[in-house]
Amino acid sequence: MIKAINGLHHVTSMASDAKENNAFFTNVLGLRRVKKTVNFDAPDVYHLYYGNELGDAGTVMTYFPFPHIAAGQAGTGEVGTTAFSVPTDSLAYWEKRLNNAAVHGIERSNLFGQERLDFSGPDGDGFALVETDGDERTPWTGNGVSEDVAIRGFHSASMRLRDEGASAELLKFMGYEVFDTSKGVSRFAMPNGNGADFIDLEILPNAQSARQGAGSVHHIAFAVEDREAQLAVRSALLDTGYEVTPVIDRDYFWAIYFRTPGGVLFEVATNEPGFVRDEDSASLGADLKLPTQHEHLRSELEKHLSPLS
């Protein structure tokens, strides 16, 4: 069993409009844009990161906003809902705030004894805010959401699957433990994790397969402390028969990727070096940062990429 993983690192999705996406996560949800860079494989497309003050592992939602991308089609083989942790008794504030911002799909629910507020992102993305006792992670409050209600980071992510078996075994191999089952959802928890500790499996045997597009999660990333731990995880996955990519330098972390039995793309990312490697902490996310291989394109990219505000 792998022992180096300590919860979620980030979740990466796709959007149709960069400006709208930026406004939703900063102005509506109150997160900090901690990095404005570009897609490594398509440098004419932004890669935007939102999280807490420093973009700590377990707090960061990232997006590829592809102009004119078709809408995604919900189904199995994908991450369905990304849930954020908020303090107890804060949902009334958030329900009013989201309604005032004309957010769609707002609905109260309860899962595993926790009150939650489900809602949709600009492209129909599935989100929830979950009231969580004792989440001591420090929130970002620079966008006008006060500390007593602000988002702490991820609470959980759910995966929509045709069946549970192989994916459940993979999670247990990665160090997760069975937590509980409720309303057709199986929850797995990371003991002594980083706060972003839960993965939910939603089994939909008769559902169609997902088609990725705007509003779809592209991949979900799990956190390890450093490159040594990452190499140990990679070796263990290879020994178990998974096809795992070589280590890839993503500037702010190193990454490996593999496809799960249920079809979801998993990443394992390091906590090092972090988002302050090329920007002062006080000005994170302000300037366009380019991977070294794309720096020669700066003048053209700055003309092409639309302003975010």
C-alpha atoms as a PDB file:
ATOM      1  CA  MET A   1       0.000   0.000   0.000  1.00  0.00           C
ATOM      2  CA  ILE A   2       1.148   3.519  -0.840  1.00  0.00           C
ATOM      3  CA  LYS A   3       1.747   5.689   2.225  1.00  0.00           C
ATOM      4  CA  ALA A   4       3.066   8.922   0.690  1.00  0.00           C
ATOM      5  CA  ILE A   5      -0.203  10.479  -0.523  1.00  0.00           C
ATOM      6  CA  ASN A   6      -1.762  12.976   1.891  1.00  0.00           C
ATOM      7  CA  GLY A   7      -4.985  14.121   0.212  1.00  0.00           C
ATOM      8  CA  LEU A   8      -5.942  16.160  -2.823  1.00  0.00           C
ATOM      9  CA  HIS A   9      -3.477  18.544  -4.447  1.00  0.00           C
ATOM     10  CA  HIS A  10      -5.597  20.279  -7.105  1.00  0.00           C
ATOM     11  CA  VAL A  11      -8.507  19.760  -9.477  1.00  0.00           C
ATOM     12  CA  THR A  12      -8.215  20.886 -13.096  1.00  0.00           C
ATOM     13  CA  SER A  13     -11.245  21.613 -15.272  1.00  0.00           C
ATOM     14  CA  MET A  14     -12.115  23.217 -18.601  1.00  0.00           C
ATOM     15  CA  ALA A  15     -14.049  26.431 -19.222  1.00  0.00           C
ATOM     16  CA  SER A  16     -15.371  28.391 -22.185  1.00  0.00           C
ATOM     17  CA  ASP A  17     -14.507  31.950 -21.135  1.00  0.00           C
ATOM     18  CA  ALA A  18     -11.449  33.084 -19.164  1.00  0.00           C
ATOM     19  CA  LYS A  19     -12.882  36.389 -17.927  1.00  0.00           C
ATOM     20  CA  GLU A  20     -16.113  34.801 -16.704  1.00  0.00           C
ATOM     21  CA  ASN A  21     -14.177  31.981 -15.048  1.00  0.00           C
ATOM     22  CA  ASN A  22     -11.840  34.406 -13.273  1.00  0.00           C
ATOM     23  CA  ALA A  23     -14.748  36.535 -12.033  1.00  0.00           C
ATOM     24  CA  PHE A  24     -16.622  33.520 -10.682  1.00  0.00           C
ATOM     25  CA  PHE A  25     -13.761  32.150  -8.600  1.00  0.00           C
ATOM     26  CA  THR A  26     -12.411  35.471  -7.352  1.00  0.00           C
ATOM     27  CA  ASN A  27     -15.474  37.729  -7.079  1.00  0.00           C
ATOM     28  CA  VAL A  28     -18.145  35.146  -6.250  1.00  0.00           C
ATOM     29  CA  LEU A  29     -16.295  32.410  -4.361  1.00  0.00           C
ATOM     30  CA  GLY A  30     -13.681  34.777  -2.963  1.00  0.00           C
ATOM     31  CA  LEU A  31     -10.632  32.680  -3.844  1.00  0.00           C
ATOM     32  CA  ARG A  32      -7.288  34.153  -4.777  1.00  0.00           C
ATOM     33  CA  ARG A  33      -5.924  33.831  -8.299  1.00  0.00           C
ATOM     34  CA  VAL A  34      -2.501  32.491  -7.413  1.00  0.00           C
ATOM     35  CA  LYS A  35      -1.143  31.992 -10.925  1.00  0.00           C
ATOM     36  CA  LYS A  36      -1.866  33.269 -14.406  1.00  0.00           C
ATOM     37  CA  THR A  37       0.011  31.134 -16.882  1.00  0.00           C
ATOM     38  CA  VAL A  38      -0.709  29.087 -20.026  1.00  0.00           C
ATOM     39  CA  ASN A  39      -1.445  25.521 -20.999  1.00  0.00           C
ATOM     40  CA  PHE A  40       1.875  23.729 -21.593  1.00  0.00           C
ATOM     41  CA  ASP A  41       0.502  22.004 -24.707  1.00  0.00           C
ATOM     42  CA  ALA A  42      -1.592  24.914 -26.025  1.00  0.00           C
ATOM     43  CA  PRO A  43       0.132  28.151 -24.990  1.00  0.00           C
ATOM     44  CA  ASP A  44      -2.562  30.288 -26.616  1.00  0.00           C
ATOM     45  CA  VAL A  45      -4.887  29.107 -23.808  1.00  0.00           C
ATOM     46  CA  TYR A  46      -4.664  30.311 -20.222  1.00  0.00           C
ATOM     47  CA  HIS A  47      -4.023  28.039 -17.266  1.00  0.00           C
ATOM     48  CA  LEU A  48      -5.564  29.793 -14.263  1.00  0.00           C
ATOM     49  CA  TYR A  49      -5.085  28.710 -10.637  1.00  0.00           C
ATOM     50  CA  TYR A  50      -7.320  29.728  -7.713  1.00  0.00           C
ATOM     51  CA  GLY A  51      -6.783  28.901  -4.043  1.00  0.00           C
ATOM     52  CA  ASN A  52      -5.791  30.268  -0.663  1.00  0.00           C
ATOM     53  CA  GLU A  53      -3.080  32.863  -0.075  1.00  0.00           C
ATOM     54  CA  LEU A  54      -0.158  30.746  -1.306  1.00  0.00           C
ATOM     55  CA  GLY A  55      -2.061  28.121  -3.263  1.00  0.00           C
ATOM     56  CA  ASP A  56      -1.355  25.377  -0.754  1.00  0.00           C
ATOM     57  CA  ALA A  57      -1.965  21.787  -1.814  1.00  0.00           C
ATOM     58  CA  GLY A  58      -5.579  20.860  -1.213  1.00  0.00           C
ATOM     59  CA  THR A  59      -6.937  24.351  -1.962  1.00  0.00           C
ATOM     60  CA  VAL A  60      -6.308  24.916  -5.670  1.00  0.00           C
ATOM     61  CA  MET A  61      -8.887  24.774  -8.443  1.00  0.00           C
ATOM     62  CA  THR A  62      -7.311  25.213 -11.878  1.00  0.00           C
ATOM     63  CA  TYR A  63      -8.813  25.868 -15.303  1.00  0.00           C
ATOM     64  CA  PHE A  64      -8.057  25.675 -18.999  1.00  0.00           C
ATOM     65  CA  PRO A  65     -10.453  28.213 -20.587  1.00  0.00           C
ATOM     66  CA  PHE A  66     -10.709  27.143 -24.237  1.00  0.00           C
ATOM     67  CA  PRO A  67     -12.623  29.742 -26.284  1.00  0.00           C
ATOM     68  CA  HIS A  68     -15.539  28.223 -28.224  1.00  0.00           C
ATOM     69  CA  ILE A  69     -15.187  24.810 -26.562  1.00  0.00           C
ATOM     70  CA  ALA A  70     -18.378  22.731 -26.639  1.00  0.00           C
ATOM     71  CA  ALA A  71     -20.194  22.030 -23.402  1.00  0.00           C
ATOM     72  CA  GLY A  72     -19.295  18.841 -21.601  1.00  0.00           C
ATOM     73  CA  GLN A  73     -21.769  15.994 -21.276  1.00  0.00           C
ATOM     74  CA  ALA A  74     -22.159  14.597 -17.762  1.00  0.00           C
ATOM     75  CA  GLY A  75     -21.802  10.859 -17.298  1.00  0.00           C
ATOM     76  CA  THR A  76     -19.647   8.115 -15.921  1.00  0.00           C
ATOM     77  CA  GLY A  77     -15.865   8.070 -16.032  1.00  0.00           C
ATOM     78  CA  GLU A  78     -15.416  11.581 -14.662  1.00  0.00           C
ATOM     79  CA  VAL A  79     -15.256  13.691 -11.531  1.00  0.00           C
ATOM     80  CA  GLY A  80     -18.795  14.891 -10.906  1.00  0.00           C
ATOM     81  CA  THR A  81     -18.812  17.305  -7.952  1.00  0.00           C
ATOM     82  CA  THR A  82     -15.910  19.212  -6.448  1.00  0.00           C
ATOM     83  CA  ALA A  83     -16.741  20.218  -2.881  1.00  0.00           C
ATOM     84  CA  PHE A  84     -15.147  22.987  -0.811  1.00  0.00           C
ATOM     85  CA  SER A  85     -14.954  23.144   2.991  1.00  0.00           C
ATOM     86  CA  VAL A  86     -16.589  26.101   4.752  1.00  0.00           C
ATOM     87  CA  PRO A  87     -17.182  26.772   8.480  1.00  0.00           C
ATOM     88  CA  THR A  88     -20.243  25.519  10.307  1.00  0.00           C
ATOM     89  CA  ASP A  89     -23.265  27.853  10.091  1.00  0.00           C
ATOM     90  CA  SER A  90     -21.942  29.646   6.997  1.00  0.00           C
ATOM     91  CA  LEU A  91     -24.297  28.203   4.380  1.00  0.00           C
ATOM     92  CA  ALA A  92     -26.963  30.860   4.889  1.00  0.00           C
ATOM     93  CA  TYR A  93     -24.368  33.489   3.949  1.00  0.00           C
ATOM     94  CA  TRP A  94     -23.289  31.522   0.903  1.00  0.00           C
ATOM     95  CA  GLU A  95     -26.824  30.795  -0.249  1.00  0.00           C
ATOM     96  CA  LYS A  96     -27.602  34.519  -0.223  1.00  0.00           C
ATOM     97  CA  ARG A  97     -24.291  35.403  -1.906  1.00  0.00           C
ATOM     98  CA  LEU A  98     -24.726  32.851  -4.681  1.00  0.00           C
ATOM     99  CA  ASN A  99     -28.333  33.891  -5.275  1.00  0.00           C
ATOM    100  CA  ASN A 100     -27.283  37.537  -5.491  1.00  0.00           C
ATOM    101  CA  ALA A 101     -24.696  36.534  -8.106  1.00  0.00           C
ATOM    102  CA  ALA A 102     -27.376  34.686 -10.137  1.00  0.00           C
ATOM    103  CA  VAL A 103     -25.597  31.355  -9.718  1.00  0.00           C
ATOM    104  CA  HIS A 104     -27.601  28.383 -11.015  1.00  0.00           C
ATOM    105  CA  GLY A 105     -28.484  25.063  -9.421  1.00  0.00           C
ATOM    106  CA  ILE A 106     -28.432  26.198  -5.780  1.00  0.00           C
ATOM    107  CA  GLU A 107     -29.828  23.465  -3.533  1.00  0.00           C
ATOM    108  CA  ARG A 108     -29.411  22.470   0.109  1.00  0.00           C
ATOM    109  CA  SER A 109     -28.635  18.851   0.948  1.00  0.00           C
ATOM    110  CA  ASN A 110     -27.086  16.640   3.617  1.00  0.00           C
ATOM    111  CA  LEU A 111     -24.585  13.865   3.023  1.00  0.00           C
ATOM    112  CA  PHE A 112     -22.820  11.820   5.675  1.00  0.00           C
ATOM    113  CA  GLY A 113     -24.310  14.069   8.338  1.00  0.00           C
ATOM    114  CA  GLN A 114     -22.841  17.267   6.870  1.00  0.00           C
ATOM    115  CA  GLU A 115     -24.926  20.163   5.596  1.00  0.00           C
ATOM    116  CA  ARG A 116     -23.998  21.214   2.078  1.00  0.00           C
ATOM    117  CA  LEU A 117     -24.970  23.681  -0.615  1.00  0.00           C
ATOM    118  CA  ASP A 118     -24.820  22.374  -4.166  1.00  0.00           C
ATOM    119  CA  PHE A 119     -24.525  24.795  -7.101  1.00  0.00           C
ATOM    120  CA  SER A 120     -23.286  25.085 -10.663  1.00  0.00           C
ATOM    121  CA  GLY A 121     -20.325  26.962 -12.088  1.00  0.00           C
ATOM    122  CA  PRO A 122     -20.507  29.160 -15.203  1.00  0.00           C
ATOM    123  CA  ASP A 123     -20.238  26.150 -17.532  1.00  0.00           C
ATOM    124  CA  GLY A 124     -22.510  23.864 -15.508  1.00  0.00           C
ATOM    125  CA  ASP A 125     -19.618  22.595 -13.380  1.00  0.00           C
ATOM    126  CA  GLY A 126     -20.762  20.660 -10.312  1.00  0.00           C
ATOM    127  CA  PHE A 127     -19.744  22.262  -7.000  1.00  0.00           C
ATOM    128  CA  ALA A 128     -20.731  22.105  -3.348  1.00  0.00           C
ATOM    129  CA  LEU A 129     -19.893  23.942  -0.148  1.00  0.00           C
ATOM    130  CA  VAL A 130     -19.782  21.611   2.866  1.00  0.00           C
ATOM    131  CA  GLU A 131     -20.003  22.796   6.473  1.00  0.00           C
ATOM    132  CA  THR A 132     -17.001  21.306   8.242  1.00  0.00           C
ATOM    133  CA  ASP A 133     -16.128  21.458  11.942  1.00  0.00           C
ATOM    134  CA  GLY A 134     -12.529  22.144  12.905  1.00  0.00           C
ATOM    135  CA  ASP A 135     -11.010  22.887   9.502  1.00  0.00           C
ATOM    136  CA  GLU A 136      -8.040  24.985  10.614  1.00  0.00           C
ATOM    137  CA  ARG A 137      -6.679  25.801   7.162  1.00  0.00           C
ATOM    138  CA  THR A 138      -6.244  29.547   6.714  1.00  0.00           C
ATOM    139  CA  PRO A 139      -8.585  30.985   4.072  1.00  0.00           C
ATOM    140  CA  TRP A 140      -7.971  33.809   1.619  1.00  0.00           C
ATOM    141  CA  THR A 141      -9.979  36.896   2.570  1.00  0.00           C
ATOM    142  CA  GLY A 142      -8.580  39.425   0.104  1.00  0.00           C
ATOM    143  CA  ASN A 143     -11.618  39.307  -2.187  1.00  0.00           C
ATOM    144  CA  GLY A 144     -14.175  40.467   0.355  1.00  0.00           C
ATOM    145  CA  VAL A 145     -15.313  37.223   1.989  1.00  0.00           C
ATOM    146  CA  SER A 146     -14.731  37.339   5.739  1.00  0.00           C
ATOM    147  CA  GLU A 147     -12.709  34.704   7.577  1.00  0.00           C
ATOM    148  CA  ASP A 148     -15.676  33.333   9.530  1.00  0.00           C
ATOM    149  CA  VAL A 149     -17.353  32.093   6.310  1.00  0.00           C
ATOM    150  CA  ALA A 150     -14.527  31.854   3.754  1.00  0.00           C
ATOM    151  CA  ILE A 151     -13.604  28.692   1.832  1.00  0.00           C
ATOM    152  CA  ARG A 152     -10.837  26.692   3.542  1.00  0.00           C
ATOM    153  CA  GLY A 153      -9.924  24.501   0.579  1.00  0.00           C
ATOM    154  CA  PHE A 154     -11.263  21.277  -0.862  1.00  0.00           C
ATOM    155  CA  HIS A 155     -13.482  19.030   1.194  1.00  0.00           C
ATOM    156  CA  SER A 156     -13.906  16.231  -1.327  1.00  0.00           C
ATOM    157  CA  ALA A 157     -14.347  15.221  -4.922  1.00  0.00           C
ATOM    158  CA  SER A 158     -16.838  12.711  -6.246  1.00  0.00           C
ATOM    159  CA  MET A 159     -16.308  10.287  -9.096  1.00  0.00           C
ATOM    160  CA  ARG A 160     -19.174   9.001 -11.254  1.00  0.00           C
ATOM    161  CA  LEU A 161     -18.565   5.358 -12.144  1.00  0.00           C
ATOM    162  CA  ARG A 162     -20.330   2.382 -13.711  1.00  0.00           C
ATOM    163  CA  ASP A 163     -19.077   0.136 -10.901  1.00  0.00           C
ATOM    164  CA  GLU A 164     -17.078   0.576  -7.729  1.00  0.00           C
ATOM    165  CA  GLY A 165     -14.809  -2.447  -7.479  1.00  0.00           C
ATOM    166  CA  ALA A 166     -11.514  -1.625  -9.191  1.00  0.00           C
ATOM    167  CA  SER A 167     -11.613   2.088  -8.306  1.00  0.00           C
ATOM    168  CA  ALA A 168     -12.304   1.307  -4.657  1.00  0.00           C
ATOM    169  CA  GLU A 169      -9.345  -1.063  -4.587  1.00  0.00           C
ATOM    170  CA  LEU A 170      -7.144   1.599  -6.185  1.00  0.00           C
ATOM    171  CA  LEU A 171      -8.110   4.177  -3.554  1.00  0.00           C
ATOM    172  CA  LYS A 172      -7.333   1.717  -0.766  1.00  0.00           C
ATOM    173  CA  PHE A 173      -3.990   0.980  -2.407  1.00  0.00           C
ATOM    174  CA  MET A 174      -3.328   4.743  -2.449  1.00  0.00           C
ATOM    175  CA  GLY A 175      -3.847   4.893   1.325  1.00  0.00           C
ATOM    176  CA  TYR A 176      -7.537   5.782   1.555  1.00  0.00           C
ATOM    177  CA  GLU A 177      -9.801   4.014   4.042  1.00  0.00           C
ATOM    178  CA  VAL A 178     -13.491   3.155   3.716  1.00  0.00           C
ATOM    179  CA  PHE A 179     -15.442   5.813   5.630  1.00  0.00           C
ATOM    180  CA  ASP A 180     -19.140   5.127   5.075  1.00  0.00           C
ATOM    181  CA  THR A 181     -21.868   4.565   2.495  1.00  0.00           C
ATOM    182  CA  SER A 182     -24.965   6.761   2.211  1.00  0.00           C
ATOM    183  CA  LYS A 183     -27.548   7.476  -0.484  1.00  0.00           C
ATOM    184  CA  GLY A 184     -25.692   5.329  -2.992  1.00  0.00           C
ATOM    185  CA  VAL A 185     -22.366   7.084  -2.394  1.00  0.00           C
ATOM    186  CA  SER A 186     -19.291   5.367  -0.950  1.00  0.00           C
ATOM    187  CA  ARG A 187     -16.897   7.691   0.863  1.00  0.00           C
ATOM    188  CA  PHE A 188     -13.176   7.073   1.256  1.00  0.00           C
ATOM    189  CA  ALA A 189     -11.051   9.111   3.686  1.00  0.00           C
ATOM    190  CA  MET A 190      -7.327   9.864   3.879  1.00  0.00           C
ATOM    191  CA  PRO A 191      -6.169   9.412   7.496  1.00  0.00           C
ATOM    192  CA  ASN A 192      -4.106  12.344   8.798  1.00  0.00           C
ATOM    193  CA  GLY A 193      -4.455  14.112   5.463  1.00  0.00           C
ATOM    194  CA  ASN A 194      -3.995  17.732   4.462  1.00  0.00           C
ATOM    195  CA  GLY A 195      -7.661  18.658   4.992  1.00  0.00           C
ATOM    196  CA  ALA A 196      -8.765  17.783   1.452  1.00  0.00           C
ATOM    197  CA  ASP A 197      -9.327  14.260   2.649  1.00  0.00           C
ATOM    198  CA  PHE A 198     -12.369  12.659   1.008  1.00  0.00           C
ATOM    199  CA  ILE A 199     -13.140  10.906  -2.263  1.00  0.00           C
ATOM    200  CA  ASP A 200     -16.726   9.861  -2.971  1.00  0.00           C
ATOM    201  CA  LEU A 201     -17.711   7.154  -5.442  1.00  0.00           C
ATOM    202  CA  GLU A 202     -21.141   7.550  -7.034  1.00  0.00           C
ATOM    203  CA  ILE A 203     -22.169   4.372  -8.856  1.00  0.00           C
ATOM    204  CA  LEU A 204     -24.401   4.853 -11.915  1.00  0.00           C
ATOM    205  CA  PRO A 205     -24.453   1.519 -13.781  1.00  0.00           C
ATOM    206  CA  ASN A 206     -26.926   2.623 -16.455  1.00  0.00           C
ATOM    207  CA  ALA A 207     -25.619   6.147 -17.096  1.00  0.00           C
ATOM    208  CA  GLN A 208     -24.020   7.248 -20.362  1.00  0.00           C
ATOM    209  CA  SER A 209     -20.299   7.846 -20.567  1.00  0.00           C
ATOM    210  CA  ALA A 210     -19.147  11.400 -19.985  1.00  0.00           C
ATOM    211  CA  ARG A 211     -17.966  13.578 -22.854  1.00  0.00           C
ATOM    212  CA  GLN A 212     -15.428  16.172 -21.823  1.00  0.00           C
ATOM    213  CA  GLY A 213     -15.939  19.830 -22.629  1.00  0.00           C
ATOM    214  CA  ALA A 214     -16.598  23.122 -20.879  1.00  0.00           C
ATOM    215  CA  GLY A 215     -17.558  22.403 -17.278  1.00  0.00           C
ATOM    216  CA  SER A 216     -15.816  19.014 -17.194  1.00  0.00           C
ATOM    217  CA  VAL A 217     -13.013  18.067 -14.827  1.00  0.00           C
ATOM    218  CA  HIS A 218      -9.959  17.207 -16.901  1.00  0.00           C
ATOM    219  CA  HIS A 219      -8.061  15.501 -14.080  1.00  0.00           C
ATOM    220  CA  ILE A 220      -7.793  15.273 -10.325  1.00  0.00           C
ATOM    221  CA  ALA A 221      -4.432  15.487  -8.560  1.00  0.00           C
ATOM    222  CA  PHE A 222      -3.246  13.930  -5.314  1.00  0.00           C
ATOM    223  CA  ALA A 223      -0.526  15.457  -3.140  1.00  0.00           C
ATOM    224  CA  VAL A 224       2.850  14.075  -2.108  1.00  0.00           C
ATOM    225  CA  GLU A 225       5.466  16.027  -0.216  1.00  0.00           C
ATOM    226  CA  ASP A 226       8.386  15.872  -2.642  1.00  0.00           C
ATOM    227  CA  ARG A 227       9.926  14.197  -5.672  1.00  0.00           C
ATOM    228  CA  GLU A 228      11.345  11.311  -3.669  1.00  0.00           C
ATOM    229  CA  ALA A 229       7.878  10.429  -2.414  1.00  0.00           C
ATOM    230  CA  GLN A 230       6.487  10.836  -5.921  1.00  0.00           C
ATOM    231  CA  LEU A 231       9.011   8.388  -7.375  1.00  0.00           C
ATOM    232  CA  ALA A 232       8.056   5.852  -4.709  1.00  0.00           C
ATOM    233  CA  VAL A 233       4.388   6.242  -5.657  1.00  0.00           C
ATOM    234  CA  ARG A 234       5.219   5.888  -9.345  1.00  0.00           C
ATOM    235  CA  SER A 235       7.194   2.713  -8.712  1.00  0.00           C
ATOM    236  CA  ALA A 236       4.363   1.206  -6.671  1.00  0.00           C
ATOM    237  CA  LEU A 237       1.794   2.002  -9.362  1.00  0.00           C
ATOM    238  CA  LEU A 238       3.993   0.539 -12.097  1.00  0.00           C
ATOM    239  CA  ASP A 239       4.517  -2.610 -10.044  1.00  0.00           C
ATOM    240  CA  THR A 240       0.739  -2.947  -9.764  1.00  0.00           C
ATOM    241  CA  GLY A 241       0.306  -2.763 -13.541  1.00  0.00           C
ATOM    242  CA  TYR A 242      -0.707   0.851 -14.103  1.00  0.00           C
ATOM    243  CA  GLU A 243       0.682   2.767 -17.057  1.00  0.00           C
ATOM    244  CA  VAL A 244       2.213   5.876 -15.513  1.00  0.00           C
ATOM    245  CA  THR A 245       3.833   8.778 -17.330  1.00  0.00           C
ATOM    246  CA  PRO A 246       7.405   9.840 -16.607  1.00  0.00           C
ATOM    247  CA  VAL A 247       7.782  12.736 -14.179  1.00  0.00           C
ATOM    248  CA  ILE A 248       6.838  16.017 -15.870  1.00  0.00           C
ATOM    249  CA  ASP A 249       8.005  19.433 -14.668  1.00  0.00           C
ATOM    250  CA  ARG A 250       4.949  21.712 -14.369  1.00  0.00           C
ATOM    251  CA  ASP A 251       6.990  24.651 -13.020  1.00  0.00           C
ATOM    252  CA  TYR A 252       5.092  24.832  -9.702  1.00  0.00           C
ATOM    253  CA  PHE A 253       5.079  21.081  -9.013  1.00  0.00           C
ATOM    254  CA  TRP A 254       6.249  17.861 -10.611  1.00  0.00           C
ATOM    255  CA  ALA A 255       3.540  15.587 -11.956  1.00  0.00           C
ATOM    256  CA  ILE A 256       2.856  12.016 -13.011  1.00  0.00           C
ATOM    257  CA  TYR A 257      -0.407  10.840 -14.610  1.00  0.00           C
ATOM    258  CA  PHE A 258      -2.292   7.573 -15.014  1.00  0.00           C
ATOM    259  CA  ARG A 259      -5.790   6.519 -16.073  1.00  0.00           C
ATOM    260  CA  THR A 260      -7.948   4.774 -13.458  1.00  0.00           C
ATOM    261  CA  PRO A 261     -10.066   1.661 -14.117  1.00  0.00           C
ATOM    262  CA  GLY A 262     -13.177   3.852 -14.075  1.00  0.00           C
ATOM    263  CA  GLY A 263     -11.760   6.167 -16.727  1.00  0.00           C
ATOM    264  CA  VAL A 264     -10.845   9.163 -14.539  1.00  0.00           C
ATOM    265  CA  LEU A 265      -7.407  10.699 -15.120  1.00  0.00           C
ATOM    266  CA  PHE A 266      -5.368  10.829 -11.896  1.00  0.00           C
ATOM    267  CA  GLU A 267      -2.288  12.947 -11.277  1.00  0.00           C
ATOM    268  CA  VAL A 268       0.163  12.739  -8.398  1.00  0.00           C
ATOM    269  CA  ALA A 269       1.761  16.146  -7.792  1.00  0.00           C
ATOM    270  CA  THR A 270       4.469  17.357  -5.427  1.00  0.00           C
ATOM    271  CA  ASN A 271       3.956  20.104  -2.855  1.00  0.00           C
ATOM    272  CA  GLU A 272       7.276  21.592  -3.998  1.00  0.00           C
ATOM    273  CA  PRO A 273       8.366  24.085  -5.273  1.00  0.00           C
ATOM    274  CA  GLY A 274       5.047  25.966  -5.009  1.00  0.00           C
ATOM    275  CA  PHE A 275       3.644  29.091  -6.624  1.00  0.00           C
ATOM    276  CA  VAL A 276       6.120  31.540  -5.081  1.00  0.00           C
ATOM    277  CA  ARG A 277       8.990  30.158  -7.158  1.00  0.00           C
ATOM    278  CA  ASP A 278       8.622  32.958  -9.735  1.00  0.00           C
ATOM    279  CA  GLU A 279       6.488  35.607  -7.972  1.00  0.00           C
ATOM    280  CA  ASP A 280       6.524  37.386  -4.646  1.00  0.00           C
ATOM    281  CA  SER A 281       3.766  36.107  -2.344  1.00  0.00           C
ATOM    282  CA  ALA A 282       2.186  39.575  -2.196  1.00  0.00           C
ATOM    283  CA  SER A 283       1.634  39.675  -5.963  1.00  0.00           C
ATOM    284  CA  LEU A 284       0.776  36.076  -6.820  1.00  0.00           C
ATOM    285  CA  GLY A 285      -1.345  35.738  -9.933  1.00  0.00           C
ATOM    286  CA  ALA A 286      -0.893  39.324 -11.081  1.00  0.00           C
ATOM    287  CA  ASP A 287       1.445  38.898 -14.061  1.00  0.00           C
ATOM    288  CA  LEU A 288       1.427  36.449 -16.940  1.00  0.00           C
ATOM    289  CA  LYS A 289       4.009  33.760 -16.207  1.00  0.00           C
ATOM    290  CA  LEU A 290       5.170  31.598 -19.085  1.00  0.00           C
ATOM    291  CA  PRO A 291       6.931  28.244 -19.132  1.00  0.00           C
ATOM    292  CA  THR A 292      10.525  28.659 -20.305  1.00  0.00           C
ATOM    293  CA  GLN A 293       9.811  26.946 -23.627  1.00  0.00           C
ATOM    294  CA  HIS A 294       7.083  29.487 -24.407  1.00  0.00           C
ATOM    295  CA  GLU A 295       8.810  32.671 -23.231  1.00  0.00           C
ATOM    296  CA  HIS A 296       9.810  33.545 -26.789  1.00  0.00           C
ATOM    297  CA  LEU A 297       6.090  33.756 -27.628  1.00  0.00           C
ATOM    298  CA  ARG A 298       5.333  36.355 -24.949  1.00  0.00           C
ATOM    299  CA  SER A 299       4.620  39.334 -27.202  1.00  0.00           C
ATOM    300  CA  GLU A 300       2.207  37.346 -29.369  1.00  0.00           C
ATOM    301  CA  LEU A 301       0.532  35.634 -26.424  1.00  0.00           C
ATOM    302  CA  GLU A 302      -0.020  38.909 -24.605  1.00  0.00           C
ATOM    303  CA  LYS A 303      -1.817  40.205 -27.700  1.00  0.00           C
ATOM    304  CA  HIS A 304      -3.870  37.034 -28.099  1.00  0.00           C
ATOM    305  CA  LEU A 305      -4.903  36.228 -24.518  1.00  0.00           C
ATOM    306  CA  SER A 306      -7.959  38.218 -23.470  1.00  0.00           C
ATOM    307  CA  PRO A 307      -7.792  40.463 -20.378  1.00  0.00           C
ATOM    308  CA  LEU A 308      -9.223  38.862 -17.246  1.00  0.00           C
ATOM    309  CA  SER A 309     -10.707  42.025 -15.778  1.00  0.00           C
END
